[in-house]
Amino acid sequence: MEINWKKLAKTIKFEPTYNQKHILEHLNQHNTTVGGKRVGKTYLAAFIGLTELLNLNRTIWVVAPTYELAKRIWDPVKRG
């Protein structure tokens, strides 16, 4: 069963920006995005991780150059 990201966002009160919505609507197996500071890349990554964890038979990896950077993504997923 595929999780509907719009319903999940509404449930957890996540209001994606215009650019975040565009990314969510065009997700593929491998995705790359470029953005400056404070555009919501980390929070979007956490939201995508949460949607994948809620799907059956999924494994996700949180990969970052440092533990602290990976923790920024993983902590919101754990709270979700």
PDB file of N, CA and C in Angstrom:
ATOM      1  N   MET A   1       0.848  -1.185   0.000  1.00  0.00           N
ATOM      2  CA  MET A   1       0.000   0.000   0.000  1.00  0.00           C
ATOM      3  C   MET A   1       0.888   1.240   0.000  1.00  0.00           C
ATOM      4  N   GLU A   2       0.612   2.138  -0.887  1.00  0.00           N
ATOM      5  CA  GLU A   2       1.375   3.378  -1.005  1.00  0.00           C
ATOM      6  C   GLU A   2       0.727   4.462  -0.142  1.00  0.00           C
ATOM      7  N   ILE A   3       1.527   5.123   0.680  1.00  0.00           N
ATOM      8  CA  ILE A   3       1.027   6.178   1.560  1.00  0.00           C
ATOM      9  C   ILE A   3       0.754   7.440   0.749  1.00  0.00           C
ATOM     10  N   ASN A   4      -0.389   8.049   0.954  1.00  0.00           N
ATOM     11  CA  ASN A   4      -0.740   9.303   0.303  1.00  0.00           C
ATOM     12  C   ASN A   4      -0.087  10.440   1.085  1.00  0.00           C
ATOM     13  N   TRP A   5       0.916  11.089   0.468  1.00  0.00           N
ATOM     14  CA  TRP A   5       1.671  12.114   1.187  1.00  0.00           C
ATOM     15  C   TRP A   5       0.801  13.311   1.559  1.00  0.00           C
ATOM     16  N   LYS A   6      -0.221  13.612   0.771  1.00  0.00           N
ATOM     17  CA  LYS A   6      -1.083  14.758   1.083  1.00  0.00           C
ATOM     18  C   LYS A   6      -1.888  14.505   2.355  1.00  0.00           C
ATOM     19  N   LYS A   7      -2.411  13.281   2.504  1.00  0.00           N
ATOM     20  CA  LYS A   7      -3.163  12.942   3.716  1.00  0.00           C
ATOM     21  C   LYS A   7      -2.239  12.910   4.933  1.00  0.00           C
ATOM     22  N   LEU A   8      -1.045  12.362   4.763  1.00  0.00           N
ATOM     23  CA  LEU A   8      -0.092  12.320   5.864  1.00  0.00           C
ATOM     24  C   LEU A   8       0.295  13.737   6.284  1.00  0.00           C
ATOM     25  N   ALA A   9       0.566  14.594   5.317  1.00  0.00           N
ATOM     26  CA  ALA A   9       0.947  15.976   5.635  1.00  0.00           C
ATOM     27  C   ALA A   9      -0.152  16.669   6.430  1.00  0.00           C
ATOM     28  N   LYS A  10      -1.386  16.456   6.024  1.00  0.00           N
ATOM     29  CA  LYS A  10      -2.518  17.059   6.735  1.00  0.00           C
ATOM     30  C   LYS A  10      -2.619  16.499   8.153  1.00  0.00           C
ATOM     31  N   THR A  11      -2.407  15.185   8.291  1.00  0.00           N
ATOM     32  CA  THR A  11      -2.510  14.536   9.596  1.00  0.00           C
ATOM     33  C   THR A  11      -1.466  15.059  10.581  1.00  0.00           C
ATOM     34  N   ILE A  12      -0.238  15.252  10.109  1.00  0.00           N
ATOM     35  CA  ILE A  12       0.826  15.703  11.012  1.00  0.00           C
ATOM     36  C   ILE A  12       1.033  17.216  10.947  1.00  0.00           C
ATOM     37  N   LYS A  13       0.140  17.901  10.228  1.00  0.00           N
ATOM     38  CA  LYS A  13       0.166  19.363  10.118  1.00  0.00           C
ATOM     39  C   LYS A  13       1.464  19.878   9.479  1.00  0.00           C
ATOM     40  N   PHE A  14       1.909  19.175   8.441  1.00  0.00           N
ATOM     41  CA  PHE A  14       3.056  19.605   7.647  1.00  0.00           C
ATOM     42  C   PHE A  14       2.517  20.349   6.444  1.00  0.00           C
ATOM     43  N   GLU A  15       2.847  21.614   6.321  1.00  0.00           N
ATOM     44  CA  GLU A  15       2.380  22.427   5.196  1.00  0.00           C
ATOM     45  C   GLU A  15       3.554  22.695   4.266  1.00  0.00           C
ATOM     46  N   PRO A  16       3.731  21.861   3.236  1.00  0.00           N
ATOM     47  CA  PRO A  16       4.873  22.045   2.341  1.00  0.00           C
ATOM     48  C   PRO A  16       4.769  23.342   1.544  1.00  0.00           C
ATOM     49  N   THR A  17       5.926  23.940   1.301  1.00  0.00           N
ATOM     50  CA  THR A  17       5.984  25.136   0.478  1.00  0.00           C
ATOM     51  C   THR A  17       5.706  24.752  -0.979  1.00  0.00           C
ATOM     52  N   TYR A  18       5.610  25.742  -1.823  1.00  0.00           N
ATOM     53  CA  TYR A  18       5.371  25.497  -3.251  1.00  0.00           C
ATOM     54  C   TYR A  18       6.457  24.574  -3.816  1.00  0.00           C
ATOM     55  N   ASN A  19       7.720  24.864  -3.516  1.00  0.00           N
ATOM     56  CA  ASN A  19       8.823  24.050  -4.038  1.00  0.00           C
ATOM     57  C   ASN A  19       8.828  22.652  -3.441  1.00  0.00           C
ATOM     58  N   GLN A  20       8.509  22.515  -2.166  1.00  0.00           N
ATOM     59  CA  GLN A  20       8.431  21.196  -1.548  1.00  0.00           C
ATOM     60  C   GLN A  20       7.311  20.366  -2.180  1.00  0.00           C
ATOM     61  N   LYS A  21       6.170  20.996  -2.447  1.00  0.00           N
ATOM     62  CA  LYS A  21       5.064  20.286  -3.119  1.00  0.00           C
ATOM     63  C   LYS A  21       5.501  19.783  -4.483  1.00  0.00           C
ATOM     64  N   HIS A  22       6.199  20.632  -5.219  1.00  0.00           N
ATOM     65  CA  HIS A  22       6.673  20.256  -6.555  1.00  0.00           C
ATOM     66  C   HIS A  22       7.572  19.021  -6.466  1.00  0.00           C
ATOM     67  N   ILE A  23       8.479  19.008  -5.503  1.00  0.00           N
ATOM     68  CA  ILE A  23       9.377  17.866  -5.326  1.00  0.00           C
ATOM     69  C   ILE A  23       8.577  16.622  -4.961  1.00  0.00           C
ATOM     70  N   LEU A  24       7.638  16.743  -4.015  1.00  0.00           N
ATOM     71  CA  LEU A  24       6.838  15.592  -3.588  1.00  0.00           C
ATOM     72  C   LEU A  24       6.002  15.022  -4.733  1.00  0.00           C
ATOM     73  N   GLU A  25       5.526  15.876  -5.612  1.00  0.00           N
ATOM     74  CA  GLU A  25       4.692  15.416  -6.730  1.00  0.00           C
ATOM     75  C   GLU A  25       5.508  14.760  -7.843  1.00  0.00           C
ATOM     76  N   HIS A  26       6.826  14.956  -7.827  1.00  0.00           N
ATOM     77  CA  HIS A  26       7.671  14.422  -8.898  1.00  0.00           C
ATOM     78  C   HIS A  26       8.774  13.509  -8.385  1.00  0.00           C
ATOM     79  N   LEU A  27       8.530  12.826  -7.286  1.00  0.00           N
ATOM     80  CA  LEU A  27       9.541  11.925  -6.732  1.00  0.00           C
ATOM     81  C   LEU A  27       9.761  10.721  -7.636  1.00  0.00           C
ATOM     82  N   ASN A  28      11.017  10.322  -7.745  1.00  0.00           N
ATOM     83  CA  ASN A  28      11.421   9.117  -8.463  1.00  0.00           C
ATOM     84  C   ASN A  28      12.253   8.270  -7.521  1.00  0.00           C
ATOM     85  N   GLN A  29      12.869   7.221  -8.046  1.00  0.00           N
ATOM     86  CA  GLN A  29      13.707   6.377  -7.202  1.00  0.00           C
ATOM     87  C   GLN A  29      14.913   7.156  -6.684  1.00  0.00           C
ATOM     88  N   HIS A  30      15.514   7.974  -7.526  1.00  0.00           N
ATOM     89  CA  HIS A  30      16.668   8.785  -7.138  1.00  0.00           C
ATOM     90  C   HIS A  30      16.313  10.238  -7.395  1.00  0.00           C
ATOM     91  N   ASN A  31      16.510  11.089  -6.391  1.00  0.00           N
ATOM     92  CA  ASN A  31      16.129  12.494  -6.512  1.00  0.00           C
ATOM     93  C   ASN A  31      17.255  13.384  -6.031  1.00  0.00           C
ATOM     94  N   THR A  32      17.385  14.518  -6.687  1.00  0.00           N
ATOM     95  CA  THR A  32      18.367  15.524  -6.308  1.00  0.00           C
ATOM     96  C   THR A  32      17.671  16.861  -6.286  1.00  0.00           C
ATOM     97  N   THR A  33      17.985  17.658  -5.283  1.00  0.00           N
ATOM     98  CA  THR A  33      17.429  19.000  -5.234  1.00  0.00           C
ATOM     99  C   THR A  33      18.516  19.965  -4.791  1.00  0.00           C
ATOM    100  N   VAL A  34      18.431  21.176  -5.269  1.00  0.00           N
ATOM    101  CA  VAL A  34      19.392  22.211  -4.930  1.00  0.00           C
ATOM    102  C   VAL A  34      18.626  23.371  -4.334  1.00  0.00           C
ATOM    103  N   GLY A  35      19.125  23.896  -3.242  1.00  0.00           N
ATOM    104  CA  GLY A  35      18.476  25.049  -2.625  1.00  0.00           C
ATOM    105  C   GLY A  35      19.394  25.673  -1.601  1.00  0.00           C
ATOM    106  N   GLY A  36      19.171  26.919  -1.341  1.00  0.00           N
ATOM    107  CA  GLY A  36      19.969  27.631  -0.352  1.00  0.00           C
ATOM    108  C   GLY A  36      19.562  27.256   1.058  1.00  0.00           C
ATOM    109  N   LYS A  37      20.098  28.013   1.997  1.00  0.00           N
ATOM    110  CA  LYS A  37      19.755  27.794   3.399  1.00  0.00           C
ATOM    111  C   LYS A  37      18.296  28.131   3.636  1.00  0.00           C
ATOM    112  N   ARG A  38      17.693  27.409   4.555  1.00  0.00           N
ATOM    113  CA  ARG A  38      16.343  27.682   5.036  1.00  0.00           C
ATOM    114  C   ARG A  38      15.234  27.571   3.988  1.00  0.00           C
ATOM    115  N   VAL A  39      15.428  26.670   3.017  1.00  0.00           N
ATOM    116  CA  VAL A  39      14.347  26.439   2.057  1.00  0.00           C
ATOM    117  C   VAL A  39      13.550  25.187   2.401  1.00  0.00           C
ATOM    118  N   GLY A  40      14.007  24.449   3.430  1.00  0.00           N
ATOM    119  CA  GLY A  40      13.234  23.301   3.887  1.00  0.00           C
ATOM    120  C   GLY A  40      13.696  21.955   3.374  1.00  0.00           C
ATOM    121  N   LYS A  41      14.933  21.856   2.900  1.00  0.00           N
ATOM    122  CA  LYS A  41      15.422  20.578   2.364  1.00  0.00           C
ATOM    123  C   LYS A  41      15.471  19.492   3.436  1.00  0.00           C
ATOM    124  N   THR A  42      15.968  19.826   4.613  1.00  0.00           N
ATOM    125  CA  THR A  42      16.106  18.837   5.682  1.00  0.00           C
ATOM    126  C   THR A  42      14.744  18.359   6.163  1.00  0.00           C
ATOM    127  N   TYR A  43      13.836  19.280   6.386  1.00  0.00           N
ATOM    128  CA  TYR A  43      12.499  18.904   6.860  1.00  0.00           C
ATOM    129  C   TYR A  43      11.761  18.092   5.801  1.00  0.00           C
ATOM    130  N   LEU A  44      11.957  18.444   4.538  1.00  0.00           N
ATOM    131  CA  LEU A  44      11.359  17.675   3.446  1.00  0.00           C
ATOM    132  C   LEU A  44      11.933  16.255   3.420  1.00  0.00           C
ATOM    133  N   ALA A  45      13.239  16.129   3.616  1.00  0.00           N
ATOM    134  CA  ALA A  45      13.861  14.803   3.646  1.00  0.00           C
ATOM    135  C   ALA A  45      13.287  13.967   4.792  1.00  0.00           C
ATOM    136  N   ALA A  46      13.068  14.591   5.936  1.00  0.00           N
ATOM    137  CA  ALA A  46      12.478  13.874   7.068  1.00  0.00           C
ATOM    138  C   ALA A  46      11.052  13.433   6.742  1.00  0.00           C
ATOM    139  N   PHE A  47      10.286  14.284   6.087  1.00  0.00           N
ATOM    140  CA  PHE A  47       8.908  13.939   5.715  1.00  0.00           C
ATOM    141  C   PHE A  47       8.892  12.780   4.720  1.00  0.00           C
ATOM    142  N   ILE A  48       9.766  12.818   3.736  1.00  0.00           N
ATOM    143  CA  ILE A  48       9.848  11.730   2.757  1.00  0.00           C
ATOM    144  C   ILE A  48      10.263  10.438   3.454  1.00  0.00           C
ATOM    145  N   GLY A  49      11.221  10.530   4.380  1.00  0.00           N
ATOM    146  CA  GLY A  49      11.624   9.351   5.148  1.00  0.00           C
ATOM    147  C   GLY A  49      10.472   8.756   5.923  1.00  0.00           C
ATOM    148  N   LEU A  50       9.662   9.611   6.531  1.00  0.00           N
ATOM    149  CA  LEU A  50       8.501   9.140   7.286  1.00  0.00           C
ATOM    150  C   LEU A  50       7.498   8.442   6.369  1.00  0.00           C
ATOM    151  N   THR A  51       7.232   9.012   5.206  1.00  0.00           N
ATOM    152  CA  THR A  51       6.282   8.370   4.283  1.00  0.00           C
ATOM    153  C   THR A  51       6.794   7.004   3.844  1.00  0.00           C
ATOM    154  N   GLU A  52       8.094   6.896   3.630  1.00  0.00           N
ATOM    155  CA  GLU A  52       8.655   5.608   3.216  1.00  0.00           C
ATOM    156  C   GLU A  52       8.600   4.591   4.349  1.00  0.00           C
ATOM    157  N   LEU A  53       8.843   5.029   5.577  1.00  0.00           N
ATOM    158  CA  LEU A  53       8.776   4.108   6.708  1.00  0.00           C
ATOM    159  C   LEU A  53       7.375   3.567   6.928  1.00  0.00           C
ATOM    160  N   LEU A  54       6.367   4.349   6.587  1.00  0.00           N
ATOM    161  CA  LEU A  54       4.989   3.920   6.783  1.00  0.00           C
ATOM    162  C   LEU A  54       4.514   2.943   5.707  1.00  0.00           C
ATOM    163  N   ASN A  55       5.243   2.862   4.606  1.00  0.00           N
ATOM    164  CA  ASN A  55       4.936   1.865   3.572  1.00  0.00           C
ATOM    165  C   ASN A  55       5.442   0.505   4.032  1.00  0.00           C
ATOM    166  N   LEU A  56       4.791  -0.549   3.602  1.00  0.00           N
ATOM    167  CA  LEU A  56       5.211  -1.898   3.969  1.00  0.00           C
ATOM    168  C   LEU A  56       6.488  -2.289   3.231  1.00  0.00           C
ATOM    169  N   ASN A  57       7.299  -3.077   3.907  1.00  0.00           N
ATOM    170  CA  ASN A  57       8.514  -3.647   3.311  1.00  0.00           C
ATOM    171  C   ASN A  57       9.466  -2.599   2.747  1.00  0.00           C
ATOM    172  N   ARG A  58       9.671  -1.538   3.477  1.00  0.00           N
ATOM    173  CA  ARG A  58      10.594  -0.490   3.028  1.00  0.00           C
ATOM    174  C   ARG A  58      11.739  -0.362   4.024  1.00  0.00           C
ATOM    175  N   THR A  59      12.897  -0.113   3.509  1.00  0.00           N
ATOM    176  CA  THR A  59      14.066   0.202   4.318  1.00  0.00           C
ATOM    177  C   THR A  59      14.564   1.559   3.847  1.00  0.00           C
ATOM    178  N   ILE A  60      14.867   2.433   4.779  1.00  0.00           N
ATOM    179  CA  ILE A  60      15.408   3.735   4.373  1.00  0.00           C
ATOM    180  C   ILE A  60      16.781   3.913   4.992  1.00  0.00           C
ATOM    181  N   TRP A  61      17.598   4.695   4.338  1.00  0.00           N
ATOM    182  CA  TRP A  61      18.902   5.082   4.854  1.00  0.00           C
ATOM    183  C   TRP A  61      18.918   6.591   4.980  1.00  0.00           C
ATOM    184  N   VAL A  62      19.466   7.065   6.055  1.00  0.00           N
ATOM    185  CA  VAL A  62      19.725   8.496   6.218  1.00  0.00           C
ATOM    186  C   VAL A  62      21.236   8.637   6.156  1.00  0.00           C
ATOM    187  N   VAL A  63      21.716   9.227   5.074  1.00  0.00           N
ATOM    188  CA  VAL A  63      23.153   9.342   4.834  1.00  0.00           C
ATOM    189  C   VAL A  63      23.524  10.818   4.793  1.00  0.00           C
ATOM    190  N   ALA A  64      24.535  11.178   5.552  1.00  0.00           N
ATOM    191  CA  ALA A  64      25.009  12.561   5.589  1.00  0.00           C
ATOM    192  C   ALA A  64      26.498  12.542   5.931  1.00  0.00           C
ATOM    193  N   PRO A  65      27.189  13.639   5.672  1.00  0.00           N
ATOM    194  CA  PRO A  65      28.631  13.681   5.961  1.00  0.00           C
ATOM    195  C   PRO A  65      28.973  13.510   7.445  1.00  0.00           C
ATOM    196  N   THR A  66      28.069  13.920   8.329  1.00  0.00           N
ATOM    197  CA  THR A  66      28.328  13.790   9.760  1.00  0.00           C
ATOM    198  C   THR A  66      27.091  13.227  10.458  1.00  0.00           C
ATOM    199  N   TYR A  67      27.327  12.693  11.645  1.00  0.00           N
ATOM    200  CA  TYR A  67      26.219  12.179  12.448  1.00  0.00           C
ATOM    201  C   TYR A  67      25.231  13.297  12.763  1.00  0.00           C
ATOM    202  N   GLU A  68      25.744  14.466  13.095  1.00  0.00           N
ATOM    203  CA  GLU A  68      24.877  15.596  13.465  1.00  0.00           C
ATOM    204  C   GLU A  68      23.935  15.979  12.313  1.00  0.00           C
ATOM    205  N   LEU A  69      24.432  15.966  11.092  1.00  0.00           N
ATOM    206  CA  LEU A  69      23.575  16.283   9.944  1.00  0.00           C
ATOM    207  C   LEU A  69      22.519  15.203   9.722  1.00  0.00           C
ATOM    208  N   ALA A  70      22.901  13.945   9.866  1.00  0.00           N
ATOM    209  CA  ALA A  70      21.934  12.851   9.716  1.00  0.00           C
ATOM    210  C   ALA A  70      20.885  12.914  10.826  1.00  0.00           C
ATOM    211  N   LYS A  71      21.310  13.306  12.010  1.00  0.00           N
ATOM    212  CA  LYS A  71      20.404  13.409  13.154  1.00  0.00           C
ATOM    213  C   LYS A  71      19.319  14.465  12.907  1.00  0.00           C
ATOM    214  N   ARG A  72      19.643  15.513  12.165  1.00  0.00           N
ATOM    215  CA  ARG A  72      18.650  16.556  11.836  1.00  0.00           C
ATOM    216  C   ARG A  72      17.490  15.992  11.025  1.00  0.00           C
ATOM    217  N   ILE A  73      17.770  14.971  10.247  1.00  0.00           N
ATOM    218  CA  ILE A  73      16.710  14.339   9.460  1.00  0.00           C
ATOM    219  C   ILE A  73      16.019  13.255  10.282  1.00  0.00           C
ATOM    220  N   TRP A  74      16.797  12.439  10.998  1.00  0.00           N
ATOM    221  CA  TRP A  74      16.237  11.296  11.699  1.00  0.00           C
ATOM    222  C   TRP A  74      15.353  11.700  12.881  1.00  0.00           C
ATOM    223  N   ASP A  75      15.720  12.740  13.621  1.00  0.00           N
ATOM    224  CA  ASP A  75      14.943  13.129  14.799  1.00  0.00           C
ATOM    225  C   ASP A  75      13.476  13.444  14.492  1.00  0.00           C
ATOM    226  N   PRO A  76      13.172  14.246  13.455  1.00  0.00           N
ATOM    227  CA  PRO A  76      11.749  14.465  13.131  1.00  0.00           C
ATOM    228  C   PRO A  76      11.033  13.196  12.690  1.00  0.00           C
ATOM    229  N   VAL A  77      11.735  12.281  12.048  1.00  0.00           N
ATOM    230  CA  VAL A  77      11.123  11.008  11.624  1.00  0.00           C
ATOM    231  C   VAL A  77      10.739  10.203  12.856  1.00  0.00           C
ATOM    232  N   LYS A  78      11.617  10.156  13.853  1.00  0.00           N
ATOM    233  CA  LYS A  78      11.304   9.429  15.084  1.00  0.00           C
ATOM    234  C   LYS A  78      10.099  10.028  15.803  1.00  0.00           C
ATOM    235  N   ARG A  79       9.977  11.351  15.760  1.00  0.00           N
ATOM    236  CA  ARG A  79       8.852  12.004  16.424  1.00  0.00           C
ATOM    237  C   ARG A  79       7.561  11.785  15.664  1.00  0.00           C
ATOM    238  N   GLY A  80       7.655  11.639  14.315  1.00  0.00           N
ATOM    239  CA  GLY A  80       6.472  11.492  13.458  1.00  0.00           C
ATOM    240  C   GLY A  80       5.661  10.322  13.852  1.00  0.00           C
TER     241      GLY A  80
END
